Amino acid sequence: MRFPRRQRESVEVNLTPLIDVVFLLLIFFMVSTTFDSRRALDLILPQSSQASAVEQAPLILSIGAAGDFTLGEASLGEDELGAQLAQYKDQADRFGLILEADGRTPHAKVVTALDAAAEVGITRVRISTRIGTESSSPDAP
């Protein structure tokens, strides 16, 4: 005797409600998230772990923490900076200008030095940094 076989219903998972819930969660988190908009950056400069040492160029412009300029061994004022850089333009064209700025130097002084170099036609400017990964603070020597 043969019994009729029952037809099995295929089992399937309906993913539509799951996708709806995931999209609702995504929209909820996008709307409720607050983004931190900082007006100032907390930077401690200069330091670089990927910096490479270069040979000493004959033209080094240093800027102290107070914003005082030193070209080689001579101390300069802002008004003398362009004229002094113009005298050493040939050396700067050959070897480039290395700008050494203290980490506490006001940014405006660095921009002033870069502008003075650009005015006399110096285009090869490198900014000197420390090599290392140790943490530092602006108060560290």
N, C-alpha and C. Protein backbone atom coordinates (compact mmCIF):
# COMPACT_ATOMS: atom_id res chain seq x y z
N MET A 1 0.82 -1.15 0.00
CA MET A 1 0.00 0.00 0.00
C MET A 1 0.89 1.25 0.00
N ARG A 2 0.51 2.13 -0.81
CA ARG A 2 1.29 3.35 -0.92
C ARG A 2 0.56 4.48 -0.24
N PHE A 3 1.31 5.14 0.64
CA PHE A 3 0.75 6.32 1.29
C PHE A 3 1.18 7.56 0.53
N PRO A 4 0.29 8.50 0.49
CA PRO A 4 0.69 9.71 -0.21
C PRO A 4 1.73 10.49 0.61
N ARG A 5 2.74 10.95 -0.03
CA ARG A 5 3.79 11.73 0.65
C ARG A 5 3.32 13.16 0.85
N ARG A 6 3.70 13.65 1.98
CA ARG A 6 3.37 15.05 2.25
C ARG A 6 4.38 15.94 1.53
N GLN A 7 3.87 16.97 1.00
CA GLN A 7 4.74 17.93 0.36
C GLN A 7 5.33 18.84 1.45
N ARG A 8 6.64 18.89 1.50
CA ARG A 8 7.30 19.77 2.47
C ARG A 8 7.37 21.17 1.90
N GLU A 9 7.07 22.11 2.77
CA GLU A 9 7.20 23.49 2.36
C GLU A 9 8.66 23.89 2.45
N SER A 10 9.12 24.62 1.48
CA SER A 10 10.51 25.04 1.52
C SER A 10 10.68 26.11 2.62
N VAL A 11 11.79 25.97 3.32
CA VAL A 11 12.07 26.90 4.41
C VAL A 11 12.93 28.03 3.85
N GLU A 12 12.48 29.22 4.03
CA GLU A 12 13.26 30.38 3.60
C GLU A 12 13.11 31.50 4.64
N VAL A 13 14.18 32.24 4.73
CA VAL A 13 14.21 33.34 5.69
C VAL A 13 13.95 34.63 4.93
N ASN A 14 12.97 35.36 5.38
CA ASN A 14 12.65 36.62 4.76
C ASN A 14 13.56 37.70 5.34
N LEU A 15 14.44 38.26 4.51
CA LEU A 15 15.42 39.24 4.98
C LEU A 15 14.92 40.68 4.91
N THR A 16 13.80 40.90 4.35
CA THR A 16 13.29 42.27 4.20
C THR A 16 13.11 42.97 5.54
N PRO A 17 12.49 42.36 6.55
CA PRO A 17 12.39 43.07 7.84
C PRO A 17 13.75 43.32 8.49
N LEU A 18 14.68 42.40 8.29
CA LEU A 18 16.02 42.58 8.85
C LEU A 18 16.72 43.77 8.21
N ILE A 19 16.60 43.91 6.91
CA ILE A 19 17.22 45.03 6.21
C ILE A 19 16.56 46.34 6.65
N ASP A 20 15.25 46.33 6.82
CA ASP A 20 14.56 47.54 7.28
C ASP A 20 15.06 47.97 8.66
N VAL A 21 15.25 47.02 9.55
CA VAL A 21 15.73 47.34 10.90
C VAL A 21 17.15 47.89 10.85
N VAL A 22 18.00 47.29 10.02
CA VAL A 22 19.38 47.77 9.91
C VAL A 22 19.41 49.20 9.38
N PHE A 23 18.60 49.51 8.39
CA PHE A 23 18.55 50.87 7.87
C PHE A 23 18.00 51.85 8.89
N LEU A 24 17.02 51.44 9.65
CA LEU A 24 16.52 52.32 10.71
C LEU A 24 17.58 52.60 11.76
N LEU A 25 18.35 51.58 12.14
CA LEU A 25 19.44 51.79 13.10
C LEU A 25 20.50 52.72 12.51
N LEU A 26 20.84 52.53 11.26
CA LEU A 26 21.82 53.38 10.61
C LEU A 26 21.36 54.84 10.61
N ILE A 27 20.11 55.07 10.26
CA ILE A 27 19.58 56.43 10.24
C ILE A 27 19.55 57.02 11.65
N PHE A 28 19.19 56.20 12.63
CA PHE A 28 19.17 56.68 14.01
C PHE A 28 20.55 57.14 14.46
N PHE A 29 21.58 56.32 14.20
CA PHE A 29 22.92 56.69 14.63
C PHE A 29 23.47 57.88 13.85
N MET A 30 23.11 57.99 12.58
CA MET A 30 23.58 59.15 11.82
C MET A 30 22.97 60.44 12.34
N VAL A 31 21.71 60.40 12.72
CA VAL A 31 21.03 61.60 13.20
C VAL A 31 21.47 61.96 14.62
N SER A 32 21.69 60.96 15.46
CA SER A 32 21.98 61.24 16.86
C SER A 32 23.45 61.45 17.17
N THR A 33 24.34 61.21 16.22
CA THR A 33 25.77 61.38 16.45
C THR A 33 26.13 62.86 16.43
N THR A 34 26.91 63.27 17.40
CA THR A 34 27.43 64.64 17.40
C THR A 34 28.90 64.57 16.99
N PHE A 35 29.28 65.48 16.16
CA PHE A 35 30.65 65.52 15.69
C PHE A 35 31.39 66.60 16.46
N ASP A 36 32.62 66.28 16.83
CA ASP A 36 33.44 67.21 17.58
C ASP A 36 34.08 68.19 16.60
N SER A 37 33.64 69.42 16.65
CA SER A 37 34.24 70.43 15.78
C SER A 37 35.14 71.31 16.64
N ARG A 38 36.42 71.06 16.52
CA ARG A 38 37.40 71.82 17.30
C ARG A 38 37.85 73.03 16.51
N ARG A 39 38.02 74.12 17.22
CA ARG A 39 38.48 75.33 16.56
C ARG A 39 40.00 75.45 16.60
N ALA A 40 40.65 74.74 17.48
CA ALA A 40 42.10 74.80 17.58
C ALA A 40 42.66 73.39 17.60
N LEU A 41 43.84 73.23 17.07
CA LEU A 41 44.50 71.94 17.06
C LEU A 41 45.56 71.92 18.15
N ASP A 42 45.63 70.81 18.87
CA ASP A 42 46.66 70.66 19.88
C ASP A 42 47.85 69.96 19.24
N LEU A 43 48.77 70.75 18.73
CA LEU A 43 49.92 70.19 18.03
C LEU A 43 51.19 70.45 18.82
N ILE A 44 52.06 69.47 18.82
CA ILE A 44 53.38 69.63 19.40
C ILE A 44 54.37 69.40 18.26
N LEU A 45 55.01 70.46 17.85
CA LEU A 45 55.92 70.40 16.72
C LEU A 45 57.28 70.90 17.12
N PRO A 46 58.31 70.66 16.45
CA PRO A 46 58.46 69.76 15.32
C PRO A 46 59.03 68.42 15.79
N GLN A 47 58.54 67.35 15.25
CA GLN A 47 59.06 66.02 15.49
C GLN A 47 58.58 65.13 14.37
N SER A 48 59.43 64.24 13.90
CA SER A 48 59.06 63.34 12.82
C SER A 48 59.73 62.00 13.03
N SER A 49 58.95 60.93 12.94
CA SER A 49 59.53 59.60 13.07
C SER A 49 60.03 59.09 11.72
N GLN A 50 59.61 59.72 10.63
CA GLN A 50 60.00 59.28 9.29
C GLN A 50 61.03 60.21 8.66
N ALA A 51 61.56 61.14 9.42
CA ALA A 51 62.51 62.09 8.86
C ALA A 51 63.83 61.40 8.55
N SER A 52 64.51 61.94 7.59
CA SER A 52 65.82 61.41 7.25
C SER A 52 66.86 62.51 7.44
N ALA A 53 68.02 62.11 7.91
CA ALA A 53 69.08 63.07 8.13
C ALA A 53 69.67 63.48 6.79
N VAL A 54 69.99 64.75 6.65
CA VAL A 54 70.59 65.24 5.41
C VAL A 54 71.92 65.90 5.76
N GLU A 55 72.75 66.06 4.73
CA GLU A 55 74.01 66.74 4.96
C GLU A 55 73.75 68.19 5.33
N GLN A 56 74.64 68.76 6.08
CA GLN A 56 74.48 70.13 6.55
C GLN A 56 74.61 71.08 5.37
N ALA A 57 73.57 71.83 5.11
CA ALA A 57 73.61 72.82 4.04
C ALA A 57 74.25 74.09 4.57
N PRO A 58 74.91 74.83 3.74
CA PRO A 58 75.58 76.04 4.24
C PRO A 58 74.62 77.15 4.63
N LEU A 59 73.35 77.08 4.20
CA LEU A 59 72.42 78.16 4.52
C LEU A 59 71.33 77.64 5.45
N ILE A 60 71.42 78.03 6.72
CA ILE A 60 70.46 77.61 7.73
C ILE A 60 69.84 78.85 8.36
N LEU A 61 68.53 78.93 8.29
CA LEU A 61 67.79 80.02 8.92
C LEU A 61 67.10 79.46 10.15
N SER A 62 67.47 79.98 11.32
CA SER A 62 66.89 79.51 12.58
C SER A 62 65.93 80.57 13.12
N ILE A 63 64.83 80.07 13.70
CA ILE A 63 63.87 80.97 14.34
C ILE A 63 63.71 80.50 15.77
N GLY A 64 64.01 81.37 16.71
CA GLY A 64 63.93 81.04 18.13
C GLY A 64 62.50 81.04 18.63
N ALA A 65 62.33 80.63 19.88
CA ALA A 65 61.00 80.54 20.48
C ALA A 65 60.33 81.91 20.55
N ALA A 66 61.11 82.95 20.70
CA ALA A 66 60.54 84.31 20.78
C ALA A 66 60.31 84.91 19.40
N GLY A 67 60.74 84.22 18.33
CA GLY A 67 60.54 84.73 16.99
C GLY A 67 61.74 85.48 16.44
N ASP A 68 62.91 85.32 17.08
CA ASP A 68 64.11 86.00 16.60
C ASP A 68 64.77 85.16 15.51
N PHE A 69 65.24 85.83 14.44
CA PHE A 69 65.83 85.17 13.28
C PHE A 69 67.34 85.13 13.40
N THR A 70 67.93 84.00 12.98
CA THR A 70 69.38 83.86 12.93
C THR A 70 69.73 83.18 11.62
N LEU A 71 70.53 83.84 10.80
CA LEU A 71 70.99 83.27 9.54
C LEU A 71 72.47 82.98 9.69
N GLY A 72 72.81 81.70 9.74
CA GLY A 72 74.18 81.31 10.04
C GLY A 72 74.48 81.66 11.47
N GLU A 73 75.37 82.61 11.69
CA GLU A 73 75.72 83.07 13.04
C GLU A 73 75.19 84.47 13.34
N ALA A 74 74.61 85.13 12.33
CA ALA A 74 74.19 86.52 12.48
C ALA A 74 72.72 86.60 12.87
N SER A 75 72.43 87.40 13.89
CA SER A 75 71.05 87.66 14.30
C SER A 75 70.46 88.74 13.39
N LEU A 76 69.21 88.54 13.00
CA LEU A 76 68.57 89.46 12.06
C LEU A 76 67.22 89.90 12.59
N GLY A 77 66.78 91.06 12.11
CA GLY A 77 65.42 91.51 12.34
C GLY A 77 64.58 91.13 11.12
N GLU A 78 63.27 91.27 11.25
CA GLU A 78 62.38 90.93 10.13
C GLU A 78 62.66 91.77 8.90
N ASP A 79 63.01 93.04 9.11
CA ASP A 79 63.25 93.92 7.98
C ASP A 79 64.55 93.60 7.25
N GLU A 80 65.52 92.97 7.91
CA GLU A 80 66.80 92.62 7.29
C GLU A 80 66.78 91.25 6.64
N LEU A 81 65.76 90.46 6.90
CA LEU A 81 65.74 89.06 6.49
C LEU A 81 65.82 88.90 4.98
N GLY A 82 65.03 89.64 4.23
CA GLY A 82 65.03 89.52 2.77
C GLY A 82 66.36 89.89 2.16
N ALA A 83 66.96 90.98 2.64
CA ALA A 83 68.25 91.43 2.08
C ALA A 83 69.36 90.42 2.36
N GLN A 84 69.37 89.84 3.55
CA GLN A 84 70.40 88.85 3.88
C GLN A 84 70.21 87.56 3.07
N LEU A 85 68.95 87.14 2.89
CA LEU A 85 68.71 85.93 2.09
C LEU A 85 69.11 86.16 0.64
N ALA A 86 68.93 87.38 0.13
CA ALA A 86 69.31 87.69 -1.25
C ALA A 86 70.82 87.55 -1.45
N GLN A 87 71.61 87.86 -0.41
CA GLN A 87 73.07 87.73 -0.51
C GLN A 87 73.50 86.27 -0.64
N TYR A 88 72.74 85.38 -0.04
CA TYR A 88 73.09 83.96 -0.04
C TYR A 88 72.26 83.15 -1.04
N LYS A 89 71.64 83.81 -2.01
CA LYS A 89 70.76 83.11 -2.93
C LYS A 89 71.48 82.03 -3.74
N ASP A 90 72.71 82.28 -4.14
CA ASP A 90 73.45 81.27 -4.92
C ASP A 90 73.65 80.00 -4.12
N GLN A 91 74.02 80.15 -2.84
CA GLN A 91 74.18 78.96 -2.00
C GLN A 91 72.85 78.26 -1.78
N ALA A 92 71.78 79.03 -1.64
CA ALA A 92 70.46 78.44 -1.44
C ALA A 92 69.99 77.71 -2.69
N ASP A 93 70.33 78.24 -3.87
CA ASP A 93 69.96 77.56 -5.10
C ASP A 93 70.69 76.23 -5.26
N ARG A 94 71.93 76.20 -4.79
CA ARG A 94 72.73 74.98 -4.93
C ARG A 94 72.37 73.94 -3.88
N PHE A 95 72.26 74.34 -2.61
CA PHE A 95 72.04 73.40 -1.52
C PHE A 95 70.65 73.47 -0.90
N GLY A 96 69.92 74.53 -1.16
CA GLY A 96 68.62 74.72 -0.54
C GLY A 96 68.75 75.47 0.78
N LEU A 97 67.63 75.88 1.29
CA LEU A 97 67.56 76.59 2.57
C LEU A 97 66.94 75.66 3.60
N ILE A 98 67.60 75.53 4.73
CA ILE A 98 67.04 74.73 5.82
C ILE A 98 66.48 75.70 6.85
N LEU A 99 65.20 75.51 7.16
CA LEU A 99 64.51 76.36 8.13
C LEU A 99 64.37 75.57 9.43
N GLU A 100 65.04 76.06 10.47
CA GLU A 100 64.95 75.44 11.79
C GLU A 100 64.13 76.35 12.68
N ALA A 101 62.92 75.92 13.01
CA ALA A 101 62.05 76.74 13.86
C ALA A 101 61.78 75.99 15.15
N ASP A 102 61.88 76.70 16.26
CA ASP A 102 61.55 76.13 17.56
C ASP A 102 60.08 75.73 17.57
N GLY A 103 59.74 74.71 18.33
CA GLY A 103 58.36 74.25 18.40
C GLY A 103 57.42 75.28 18.98
N ARG A 104 57.95 76.23 19.74
CA ARG A 104 57.10 77.26 20.36
C ARG A 104 57.09 78.55 19.56
N THR A 105 57.71 78.54 18.37
CA THR A 105 57.75 79.72 17.52
C THR A 105 56.36 80.05 17.01
N PRO A 106 55.97 81.31 17.05
CA PRO A 106 54.67 81.66 16.45
C PRO A 106 54.66 81.33 14.97
N HIS A 107 53.55 80.81 14.50
CA HIS A 107 53.42 80.40 13.10
C HIS A 107 53.66 81.57 12.15
N ALA A 108 53.29 82.75 12.56
CA ALA A 108 53.45 83.93 11.70
C ALA A 108 54.92 84.17 11.38
N LYS A 109 55.82 83.86 12.30
CA LYS A 109 57.25 84.05 12.05
C LYS A 109 57.76 83.07 11.00
N VAL A 110 57.26 81.85 11.02
CA VAL A 110 57.65 80.86 10.01
C VAL A 110 57.14 81.30 8.64
N VAL A 111 55.93 81.80 8.59
CA VAL A 111 55.38 82.29 7.32
C VAL A 111 56.17 83.49 6.83
N THR A 112 56.59 84.35 7.73
CA THR A 112 57.41 85.51 7.35
C THR A 112 58.72 85.05 6.72
N ALA A 113 59.35 84.05 7.30
CA ALA A 113 60.61 83.52 6.76
C ALA A 113 60.39 82.89 5.39
N LEU A 114 59.31 82.13 5.23
CA LEU A 114 59.02 81.51 3.94
C LEU A 114 58.71 82.56 2.88
N ASP A 115 57.99 83.61 3.26
CA ASP A 115 57.70 84.70 2.32
C ASP A 115 58.97 85.42 1.90
N ALA A 116 59.87 85.67 2.85
CA ALA A 116 61.13 86.35 2.53
C ALA A 116 61.96 85.51 1.57
N ALA A 117 61.98 84.19 1.77
CA ALA A 117 62.72 83.31 0.86
C ALA A 117 62.09 83.32 -0.52
N ALA A 118 60.77 83.30 -0.58
CA ALA A 118 60.10 83.30 -1.88
C ALA A 118 60.31 84.61 -2.63
N GLU A 119 60.39 85.72 -1.91
CA GLU A 119 60.59 87.03 -2.54
C GLU A 119 61.92 87.12 -3.26
N VAL A 120 62.95 86.48 -2.72
CA VAL A 120 64.26 86.55 -3.36
C VAL A 120 64.48 85.39 -4.33
N GLY A 121 63.48 84.52 -4.48
CA GLY A 121 63.57 83.45 -5.47
C GLY A 121 64.11 82.13 -4.97
N ILE A 122 64.15 81.93 -3.65
CA ILE A 122 64.60 80.65 -3.11
C ILE A 122 63.40 79.71 -3.11
N THR A 123 63.54 78.62 -3.85
CA THR A 123 62.41 77.68 -3.96
C THR A 123 62.67 76.36 -3.26
N ARG A 124 63.91 76.04 -2.98
CA ARG A 124 64.23 74.77 -2.31
C ARG A 124 64.37 75.03 -0.81
N VAL A 125 63.28 74.85 -0.09
CA VAL A 125 63.25 75.10 1.35
C VAL A 125 62.91 73.78 2.05
N ARG A 126 63.72 73.41 3.02
CA ARG A 126 63.44 72.22 3.83
C ARG A 126 63.22 72.68 5.27
N ILE A 127 62.29 72.03 5.94
CA ILE A 127 62.01 72.36 7.33
C ILE A 127 62.63 71.28 8.20
N SER A 128 63.48 71.68 9.10
CA SER A 128 64.20 70.74 9.96
C SER A 128 63.31 70.28 11.11
N THR A 129 63.33 68.97 11.38
CA THR A 129 62.57 68.39 12.49
C THR A 129 63.48 67.47 13.28
N ARG A 130 63.00 67.08 14.46
CA ARG A 130 63.73 66.10 15.26
C ARG A 130 63.36 64.71 14.78
N ILE A 131 64.32 63.79 14.84
CA ILE A 131 64.03 62.40 14.54
C ILE A 131 63.77 61.71 15.87
N GLY A 132 62.67 61.00 15.94
CA GLY A 132 62.35 60.28 17.17
C GLY A 132 60.88 60.11 17.32
N THR A 133 60.51 59.17 18.21
CA THR A 133 59.10 58.89 18.45
C THR A 133 58.71 59.18 19.89
N GLU A 134 59.64 59.63 20.71
CA GLU A 134 59.29 59.91 22.10
C GLU A 134 58.39 61.12 22.17
N SER A 135 57.51 61.09 23.14
CA SER A 135 56.59 62.22 23.29
C SER A 135 57.34 63.42 23.83
N SER A 136 56.90 64.56 23.41
CA SER A 136 57.51 65.79 23.88
C SER A 136 56.41 66.78 24.21
N SER A 137 56.79 67.78 24.93
CA SER A 137 55.85 68.83 25.25
C SER A 137 56.48 70.15 24.91
N PRO A 138 55.69 71.20 24.74
CA PRO A 138 56.27 72.50 24.42
C PRO A 138 57.17 73.02 25.52
N ASP A 139 57.04 72.51 26.75
CA ASP A 139 57.87 73.00 27.84
C ASP A 139 59.19 72.23 27.94
N ALA A 140 59.32 71.14 27.18
CA ALA A 140 60.54 70.33 27.26
C ALA A 140 61.70 71.07 26.62
N PRO A 141 62.91 70.90 27.14
CA PRO A 141 64.05 71.59 26.55
C PRO A 141 64.47 70.96 25.25
